[in-house]
PDB file of N, CA and C in Angstrom:
ATOM      1  N   UNK A   1       0.823  -1.126   0.004  1.00  0.00           N
ATOM      2  CA  UNK A   1       0.005   0.019   0.024  1.00  0.00           C
ATOM      3  C   UNK A   1       0.896   1.253  -0.022  1.00  0.00           C
ATOM      4  N   UNK A   2       0.294   2.326  -0.416  1.00  0.00           N
ATOM      5  CA  UNK A   2       1.094   3.608  -0.379  1.00  0.00           C
ATOM      6  C   UNK A   2       0.815   4.355   0.811  1.00  0.00           C
ATOM      7  N   UNK A   3       1.796   5.057   1.422  1.00  0.00           N
ATOM      8  CA  UNK A   3       1.612   5.815   2.592  1.00  0.00           C
ATOM      9  C   UNK A   3       2.546   7.037   2.631  1.00  0.00           C
ATOM     10  N   UNK A   4       2.046   8.108   3.241  1.00  0.00           N
ATOM     11  CA  UNK A   4       2.894   9.233   3.403  1.00  0.00           C
ATOM     12  C   UNK A   4       3.668   9.088   4.681  1.00  0.00           C
ATOM     13  N   UNK A   5       4.999   9.184   4.633  1.00  0.00           N
ATOM     14  CA  UNK A   5       5.877   8.967   5.696  1.00  0.00           C
ATOM     15  C   UNK A   5       6.467  10.365   6.129  1.00  0.00           C
ATOM     16  N   UNK A   6       6.325  10.602   7.425  1.00  0.00           N
ATOM     17  CA  UNK A   6       6.828  11.904   8.011  1.00  0.00           C
ATOM     18  C   UNK A   6       8.241  11.567   8.486  1.00  0.00           C
ATOM     19  N   UNK A   7       9.253  12.017   7.719  1.00  0.00           N
ATOM     20  CA  UNK A   7      10.631  11.748   8.046  1.00  0.00           C
ATOM     21  C   UNK A   7      11.181  12.551   9.134  1.00  0.00           C
ATOM     22  N   UNK A   8      10.683  13.713   9.321  1.00  0.00           N
ATOM     23  CA  UNK A   8      11.133  14.653  10.361  1.00  0.00           C
ATOM     24  C   UNK A   8      10.048  15.699  10.592  1.00  0.00           C
ATOM     25  N   UNK A   9      10.036  16.291  11.756  1.00  0.00           N
ATOM     26  CA  UNK A   9       9.106  17.415  12.031  1.00  0.00           C
ATOM     27  C   UNK A   9       9.733  18.659  11.412  1.00  0.00           C
ATOM     28  N   UNK A  10       9.048  19.277  10.512  1.00  0.00           N
ATOM     29  CA  UNK A  10       9.520  20.507   9.893  1.00  0.00           C
ATOM     30  C   UNK A  10       8.359  21.297   9.289  1.00  0.00           C
ATOM     31  N   UNK A  11       8.640  22.537   8.899  1.00  0.00           N
ATOM     32  CA  UNK A  11       7.641  23.334   8.238  1.00  0.00           C
ATOM     33  C   UNK A  11       7.315  22.648   6.853  1.00  0.00           C
ATOM     34  N   UNK A  12       5.990  22.775   6.482  1.00  0.00           N
ATOM     35  CA  UNK A  12       5.570  22.109   5.216  1.00  0.00           C
ATOM     36  C   UNK A  12       6.376  22.633   3.977  1.00  0.00           C
ATOM     37  N   UNK A  13       6.857  23.806   4.083  1.00  0.00           N
ATOM     38  CA  UNK A  13       7.719  24.305   2.967  1.00  0.00           C
ATOM     39  C   UNK A  13       8.993  23.542   2.794  1.00  0.00           C
ATOM     40  N   UNK A  14       9.428  22.836   3.824  1.00  0.00           N
ATOM     41  CA  UNK A  14      10.620  21.999   3.754  1.00  0.00           C
ATOM     42  C   UNK A  14      10.364  20.571   3.213  1.00  0.00           C
ATOM     43  N   UNK A  15       9.080  20.324   2.963  1.00  0.00           N
ATOM     44  CA  UNK A  15       8.655  19.059   2.381  1.00  0.00           C
ATOM     45  C   UNK A  15       9.111  17.821   3.234  1.00  0.00           C
ATOM     46  N   UNK A  16       8.650  17.709   4.498  1.00  0.00           N
ATOM     47  CA  UNK A  16       9.033  16.617   5.283  1.00  0.00           C
ATOM     48  C   UNK A  16       8.375  15.213   5.036  1.00  0.00           C
ATOM     49  N   UNK A  17       7.327  15.309   4.183  1.00  0.00           N
ATOM     50  CA  UNK A  17       6.614  14.033   3.832  1.00  0.00           C
ATOM     51  C   UNK A  17       7.192  13.394   2.599  1.00  0.00           C
ATOM     52  N   UNK A  18       7.137  12.109   2.608  1.00  0.00           N
ATOM     53  CA  UNK A  18       7.631  11.299   1.470  1.00  0.00           C
ATOM     54  C   UNK A  18       6.691  10.185   1.206  1.00  0.00           C
ATOM     55  N   UNK A  19       6.256  10.027  -0.023  1.00  0.00           N
ATOM     56  CA  UNK A  19       5.319   8.902  -0.495  1.00  0.00           C
ATOM     57  C   UNK A  19       6.099   7.663  -0.671  1.00  0.00           C
ATOM     58  N   UNK A  20       5.640   6.567   0.003  1.00  0.00           N
ATOM     59  CA  UNK A  20       6.376   5.307  -0.078  1.00  0.00           C
ATOM     60  C   UNK A  20       5.430   4.129  -0.155  1.00  0.00           C
ATOM     61  N   UNK A  21       5.983   3.034  -0.663  1.00  0.00           N
ATOM     62  CA  UNK A  21       5.202   1.806  -0.756  1.00  0.00           C
ATOM     63  C   UNK A  21       5.612   1.025   0.520  1.00  0.00           C
ATOM     64  N   UNK A  22       4.619   0.699   1.323  1.00  0.00           N
ATOM     65  CA  UNK A  22       4.877  -0.028   2.647  1.00  0.00           C
ATOM     66  C   UNK A  22       3.973  -1.288   2.645  1.00  0.00           C
ATOM     67  N   UNK A  23       4.383  -2.317   3.527  1.00  0.00           N
ATOM     68  CA  UNK A  23       3.582  -3.533   3.638  1.00  0.00           C
ATOM     69  C   UNK A  23       2.173  -3.157   4.270  1.00  0.00           C
ATOM     70  N   UNK A  24       1.164  -3.831   3.854  1.00  0.00           N
ATOM     71  CA  UNK A  24      -0.173  -3.718   4.441  1.00  0.00           C
ATOM     72  C   UNK A  24      -0.168  -4.163   5.860  1.00  0.00           C
ATOM     73  N   UNK A  25      -0.590  -3.385   6.810  1.00  0.00           N
ATOM     74  CA  UNK A  25      -0.550  -3.791   8.245  1.00  0.00           C
ATOM     75  C   UNK A  25      -1.674  -4.850   8.504  1.00  0.00           C
ATOM     76  N   UNK A  26      -1.461  -5.655   9.527  1.00  0.00           N
ATOM     77  CA  UNK A  26      -2.476  -6.653   9.904  1.00  0.00           C
ATOM     78  C   UNK A  26      -2.881  -6.337  11.335  1.00  0.00           C
ATOM     79  N   UNK A  27      -4.118  -6.507  11.618  1.00  0.00           N
ATOM     80  CA  UNK A  27      -4.649  -6.279  12.982  1.00  0.00           C
ATOM     81  C   UNK A  27      -4.201  -7.432  13.845  1.00  0.00           C
ATOM     82  N   UNK A  28      -3.760  -7.099  15.054  1.00  0.00           N
ATOM     83  CA  UNK A  28      -3.462  -8.094  16.077  1.00  0.00           C
ATOM     84  C   UNK A  28      -4.628  -8.418  16.904  1.00  0.00           C
ATOM     85  N   UNK A  29      -4.541  -9.355  17.831  1.00  0.00           N
ATOM     86  CA  UNK A  29      -5.658  -9.667  18.769  1.00  0.00           C
ATOM     87  C   UNK A  29      -6.012  -8.329  19.514  1.00  0.00           C
ATOM     88  N   UNK A  30      -7.400  -8.138  19.547  1.00  0.00           N
ATOM     89  CA  UNK A  30      -7.840  -6.961  20.286  1.00  0.00           C
ATOM     90  C   UNK A  30      -7.735  -5.676  19.485  1.00  0.00           C
ATOM     91  N   UNK A  31      -7.322  -5.703  18.206  1.00  0.00           N
ATOM     92  CA  UNK A  31      -7.265  -4.475  17.330  1.00  0.00           C
ATOM     93  C   UNK A  31      -8.144  -4.640  16.194  1.00  0.00           C
ATOM     94  N   UNK A  32      -8.445  -3.558  15.522  1.00  0.00           N
ATOM     95  CA  UNK A  32      -9.205  -3.591  14.284  1.00  0.00           C
ATOM     96  C   UNK A  32      -8.405  -2.790  13.208  1.00  0.00           C
ATOM     97  N   UNK A  33      -8.679  -3.048  11.995  1.00  0.00           N
ATOM     98  CA  UNK A  33      -7.987  -2.295  10.933  1.00  0.00           C
ATOM     99  C   UNK A  33      -9.151  -1.631  10.111  1.00  0.00           C
ATOM    100  N   UNK A  34      -8.993  -0.343   9.826  1.00  0.00           N
ATOM    101  CA  UNK A  34     -10.037   0.427   9.161  1.00  0.00           C
ATOM    102  C   UNK A  34      -9.485   0.851   7.768  1.00  0.00           C
ATOM    103  N   UNK A  35     -10.190   0.538   6.739  1.00  0.00           N
ATOM    104  CA  UNK A  35      -9.839   0.893   5.408  1.00  0.00           C
ATOM    105  C   UNK A  35     -10.368   2.263   5.051  1.00  0.00           C
ATOM    106  N   UNK A  36      -9.489   3.156   4.654  1.00  0.00           N
ATOM    107  CA  UNK A  36      -9.913   4.531   4.240  1.00  0.00           C
ATOM    108  C   UNK A  36      -9.646   4.695   2.729  1.00  0.00           C
ATOM    109  N   UNK A  37     -10.620   5.047   2.021  1.00  0.00           N
ATOM    110  CA  UNK A  37     -10.458   5.185   0.577  1.00  0.00           C
ATOM    111  C   UNK A  37     -10.674   6.551   0.118  1.00  0.00           C
TER     112      UNK A  37
END
């Protein structure tokens, strides 16, 4: 899945976010996973 990764806290003008492909997370016992589209 694609996700925006915050690499460091910075002003938005410094472009601290990076779009990356990451593994789909899996819910553990007692957790739920919510899909946002």
